[in-house]
Amino acid sequence: MAFRADEAAASGYEKARNYLVSRHFTPAQRELSDGALRAIVEEIGPPVDGYPTWHPLVAQHDGRNPETYPSERTGYEGLDHTRYFAHGFITCPYVDGDKVIASAQRIVCPPGVSISAERLDGPFYMDNAEPILVRCNWDRGLEANHTIPKSLAVPLMLEQELPCWRWSQRAETWETMRPYLLGEPHGSRSSLFVTQETALALKKIYLSLVESGMFGPVKMR
């Protein structure tokens, strides 16, 4: 089935809304929470299931073990009850909100990118949770629908993949790497993070690296 970004974004929004806008809230709380969630999505993009490994929100990980979710392995502390969006995430710990904010502010970013974190006024998840928005801020503009332009996606991907030549013994196929390089959800040629043009550029460059032999022979499955 063809990947339809609008349908994937709408489905992701309903899942995030059902999780974050608690049925235990009062009608007034639900209205406030729902409005706040819509505003956040307009600002940082649609809900997603996982990030490309080169996305600044998760790029601070062990080079031999790529990560697609924010966690302690990508430099964060205190995350709990978390939902992801294209350029940020909402986490709702009961305690340690300060730890979340401090750890997010320590994330090392490439030039032109920064990570910020702030407490949210609107209620999310549960009354006694402490909702925090962690945001990826891009100095250079994104494309339509919050997708990352080729001029940013390609160098970020290369920064992640090139160092692997030092230790890699086998090259992964594009089919294996696609969710890691395009993010989730994705189709064969695009995702909620990149357009078809950008995805094609990532594929061509990754396959050129593989064909050079720098990672070793391609894994056969």
Protein backbone atom coordinates (compact mmCIF):
# COMPACT_ATOMS: atom_id res chain seq x y z
CA MET A 1 0.00 0.00 0.00
CA ALA A 2 1.30 3.45 -0.91
CA PHE A 3 2.44 5.68 1.93
CA ARG A 4 0.03 8.56 2.50
CA ALA A 5 1.57 11.20 4.72
CA ASP A 6 -1.73 12.93 5.51
CA GLU A 7 -3.36 9.69 6.62
CA ALA A 8 -0.32 8.69 8.68
CA ALA A 9 -0.25 12.10 10.36
CA ALA A 10 -3.99 12.00 11.12
CA SER A 11 -3.78 8.50 12.55
CA GLY A 12 -0.77 9.47 14.66
CA TYR A 13 -2.59 12.52 15.97
CA GLU A 14 -5.55 10.48 17.19
CA LYS A 15 -3.24 8.05 18.98
CA ALA A 16 -1.32 10.88 20.64
CA ARG A 17 -4.54 12.66 21.57
CA ASN A 18 -6.07 9.54 23.10
CA TYR A 19 -2.92 9.05 25.17
CA LEU A 20 -2.22 12.62 26.28
CA VAL A 21 -5.75 14.05 26.61
CA SER A 22 -6.91 11.93 29.52
CA ARG A 23 -10.51 10.79 29.81
CA HIS A 24 -10.10 11.39 33.54
CA PHE A 25 -9.79 15.14 32.94
CA THR A 26 -12.77 17.41 33.45
CA PRO A 27 -14.43 18.74 30.28
CA ALA A 28 -12.64 22.06 30.81
CA GLN A 29 -9.29 20.30 31.23
CA ARG A 30 -9.87 18.20 28.11
CA GLU A 31 -10.67 21.30 26.08
CA LEU A 32 -7.52 23.03 27.34
CA SER A 33 -5.37 19.95 26.74
CA ASP A 34 -6.80 19.35 23.27
CA GLY A 35 -6.20 22.95 22.21
CA ALA A 36 -2.64 22.89 23.54
CA LEU A 37 -1.91 19.65 21.67
CA ARG A 38 -3.19 21.09 18.38
CA ALA A 39 -1.00 24.16 18.82
CA ILE A 40 2.06 22.01 19.56
CA VAL A 41 1.49 19.88 16.46
CA GLU A 42 1.17 22.99 14.32
CA GLU A 43 4.51 24.15 15.67
CA ILE A 44 6.65 21.00 15.77
CA GLY A 45 4.98 18.71 13.27
CA PRO A 46 2.89 15.55 13.30
CA PRO A 47 3.16 12.67 15.77
CA VAL A 48 5.67 10.02 14.72
CA ASP A 49 6.63 6.52 15.83
CA GLY A 50 10.41 6.88 15.62
CA TYR A 51 13.12 9.27 14.42
CA PRO A 52 15.80 8.88 11.76
CA THR A 53 19.02 8.03 13.57
CA TRP A 54 20.54 11.28 12.27
CA HIS A 55 17.77 13.50 13.71
CA PRO A 56 19.28 15.87 16.32
CA LEU A 57 16.79 14.67 18.95
CA VAL A 58 18.35 11.18 18.97
CA ALA A 59 21.72 11.61 17.27
CA GLN A 60 23.70 11.61 20.53
CA HIS A 61 24.03 7.84 20.79
CA ASP A 62 26.66 5.12 20.66
CA GLY A 63 27.74 5.00 17.01
CA ARG A 64 27.60 1.20 16.97
CA ASN A 65 24.07 1.08 18.33
CA PRO A 66 21.75 3.47 16.47
CA GLU A 67 18.75 4.78 18.37
CA THR A 68 15.41 5.98 17.05
CA TYR A 69 13.79 7.05 20.35
CA PRO A 70 14.81 9.62 22.99
CA SER A 71 16.08 7.79 26.08
CA GLU A 72 19.02 7.59 28.47
CA ARG A 73 20.99 6.12 25.56
CA THR A 74 20.53 9.39 23.66
CA GLY A 75 21.35 11.65 26.59
CA TYR A 76 18.00 12.24 28.31
CA GLU A 77 17.08 11.61 31.92
CA GLY A 78 13.72 11.26 33.62
CA LEU A 79 11.54 10.63 30.55
CA ASP A 80 8.21 8.93 31.24
CA HIS A 81 4.89 8.62 29.41
CA THR A 82 6.33 10.13 26.23
CA ARG A 83 4.86 10.81 22.82
CA TYR A 84 6.97 11.81 19.82
CA PHE A 85 6.46 14.45 17.14
CA ALA A 86 8.53 15.32 14.07
CA HIS A 87 10.58 17.99 15.85
CA GLY A 88 9.97 17.49 19.52
CA PHE A 89 8.33 15.29 22.11
CA ILE A 90 6.08 15.59 25.14
CA THR A 91 7.10 13.63 28.21
CA CYS A 92 5.00 13.45 31.37
CA PRO A 93 7.00 12.31 34.40
CA TYR A 94 5.50 12.41 37.88
CA VAL A 95 8.85 13.50 39.30
CA ASP A 96 12.25 14.70 38.02
CA GLY A 97 10.94 17.31 35.62
CA ASP A 98 14.03 19.37 36.34
CA LYS A 99 16.17 16.39 35.38
CA VAL A 100 14.45 16.16 32.00
CA ILE A 101 15.01 19.84 31.27
CA ALA A 102 18.65 19.82 32.41
CA SER A 103 19.51 16.73 30.37
CA ALA A 104 17.83 18.12 27.23
CA GLN A 105 19.84 21.30 27.54
CA ARG A 106 23.07 19.25 27.59
CA ILE A 107 22.39 17.56 24.26
CA VAL A 108 25.16 18.38 21.79
CA CYS A 109 23.77 19.58 18.46
CA PRO A 110 25.27 20.33 15.04
CA PRO A 111 25.62 23.98 13.96
CA GLY A 112 22.30 25.66 13.32
CA VAL A 113 20.33 23.34 15.60
CA SER A 114 19.47 23.54 19.30
CA ILE A 115 17.40 21.55 21.77
CA SER A 116 15.20 23.34 24.30
CA ALA A 117 12.84 22.11 27.02
CA GLU A 118 10.04 23.78 28.92
CA ARG A 119 7.19 22.92 31.25
CA LEU A 120 3.73 23.01 29.73
CA ASP A 121 0.84 24.85 31.38
CA GLY A 122 -1.84 22.63 29.90
CA PRO A 123 -2.59 19.26 31.52
CA PHE A 124 -1.40 16.13 29.73
CA TYR A 125 -1.61 12.43 30.52
CA MET A 126 -2.65 12.71 34.21
CA ASP A 127 -3.47 15.48 36.68
CA ASN A 128 -0.36 14.85 38.78
CA ALA A 129 2.05 14.47 35.85
CA GLU A 130 4.52 17.19 34.99
CA PRO A 131 4.30 17.60 31.18
CA ILE A 132 7.43 18.90 29.47
CA LEU A 133 7.94 19.79 25.82
CA VAL A 134 11.39 19.08 24.40
CA ARG A 135 11.81 20.88 21.10
CA CYS A 136 14.32 20.68 18.24
CA ASN A 137 14.94 24.20 16.94
CA TRP A 138 16.23 24.58 13.38
CA ASP A 139 17.87 27.88 12.44
CA ARG A 140 17.29 27.10 8.76
CA GLY A 141 13.73 26.76 7.58
CA LEU A 142 11.99 23.44 7.14
CA GLU A 143 9.99 22.52 4.06
CA ALA A 144 6.23 22.19 3.77
CA ASN A 145 4.58 19.90 6.30
CA HIS A 146 7.59 20.21 8.61
CA THR A 147 9.81 18.00 6.43
CA ILE A 148 13.59 18.37 6.64
CA PRO A 149 15.23 19.74 3.47
CA LYS A 150 17.82 17.76 1.56
CA SER A 151 20.49 20.33 2.39
CA LEU A 152 20.18 19.37 6.08
CA ALA A 153 19.16 15.72 5.93
CA VAL A 154 22.07 14.62 3.73
CA PRO A 155 24.93 16.05 5.82
CA LEU A 156 23.30 14.89 9.06
CA MET A 157 23.00 11.37 7.65
CA LEU A 158 26.61 11.43 6.45
CA GLU A 159 27.85 12.56 9.86
CA GLN A 160 26.15 9.51 11.36
CA GLU A 161 27.15 6.93 8.75
CA LEU A 162 30.68 7.85 7.66
CA PRO A 163 32.42 7.03 10.98
CA CYS A 164 31.06 3.47 10.76
CA TRP A 165 33.72 2.56 8.19
CA ARG A 166 36.26 2.35 11.02
CA TRP A 167 34.67 -0.72 12.59
CA SER A 168 31.98 -2.07 10.24
CA GLN A 169 32.50 -5.55 8.78
CA ARG A 170 29.27 -5.86 6.82
CA ALA A 171 27.12 -3.34 4.95
CA GLU A 172 23.38 -3.21 5.56
CA THR A 173 20.97 -3.13 2.63
CA TRP A 174 18.79 -0.09 1.97
CA GLU A 175 15.72 -2.13 2.93
CA THR A 176 17.22 -2.74 6.36
CA MET A 177 18.37 0.86 6.77
CA ARG A 178 15.24 2.58 5.47
CA PRO A 179 13.45 2.91 8.84
CA TYR A 180 16.69 4.13 10.43
CA LEU A 181 17.32 6.75 7.75
CA LEU A 182 13.75 7.83 6.93
CA GLY A 183 12.12 7.47 10.36
CA GLU A 184 8.76 5.91 11.23
CA PRO A 185 6.19 5.85 9.79
CA HIS A 186 7.61 5.73 6.28
CA GLY A 187 6.86 4.43 2.84
CA SER A 188 9.24 3.13 0.21
CA ARG A 189 10.16 6.65 -0.94
CA SER A 190 9.20 9.17 1.76
CA SER A 191 8.21 9.64 5.39
CA LEU A 192 6.83 12.26 7.75
CA PHE A 193 10.40 13.57 8.05
CA VAL A 194 11.49 13.79 4.41
CA THR A 195 9.92 14.26 1.01
CA GLN A 196 10.34 11.83 -1.86
CA GLU A 197 13.12 13.99 -3.33
CA THR A 198 15.09 14.02 -0.08
CA ALA A 199 14.51 10.32 0.57
CA LEU A 200 15.82 9.51 -2.92
CA ALA A 201 18.95 11.60 -2.24
CA LEU A 202 19.53 9.76 1.04
CA LYS A 203 19.11 6.42 -0.69
CA LYS A 204 21.48 7.27 -3.55
CA ILE A 205 24.18 8.52 -1.22
CA TYR A 206 23.85 5.62 1.20
CA LEU A 207 24.05 3.09 -1.66
CA SER A 208 27.12 4.89 -3.02
CA LEU A 209 28.78 4.42 0.37
CA VAL A 210 27.84 0.74 0.37
CA GLU A 211 29.06 0.23 -3.20
CA SER A 212 32.43 1.74 -2.31
CA GLY A 213 33.03 -1.22 -0.02
CA MET A 214 33.84 1.02 2.93
CA PHE A 215 31.50 -0.92 5.24
CA GLY A 216 32.52 -4.34 3.97
CA PRO A 217 30.48 -6.81 1.89
CA VAL A 218 26.71 -6.49 1.93
CA LYS A 219 24.93 -8.71 4.44
CA MET A 220 23.07 -11.52 2.74
CA ARG A 221 19.79 -12.63 4.32
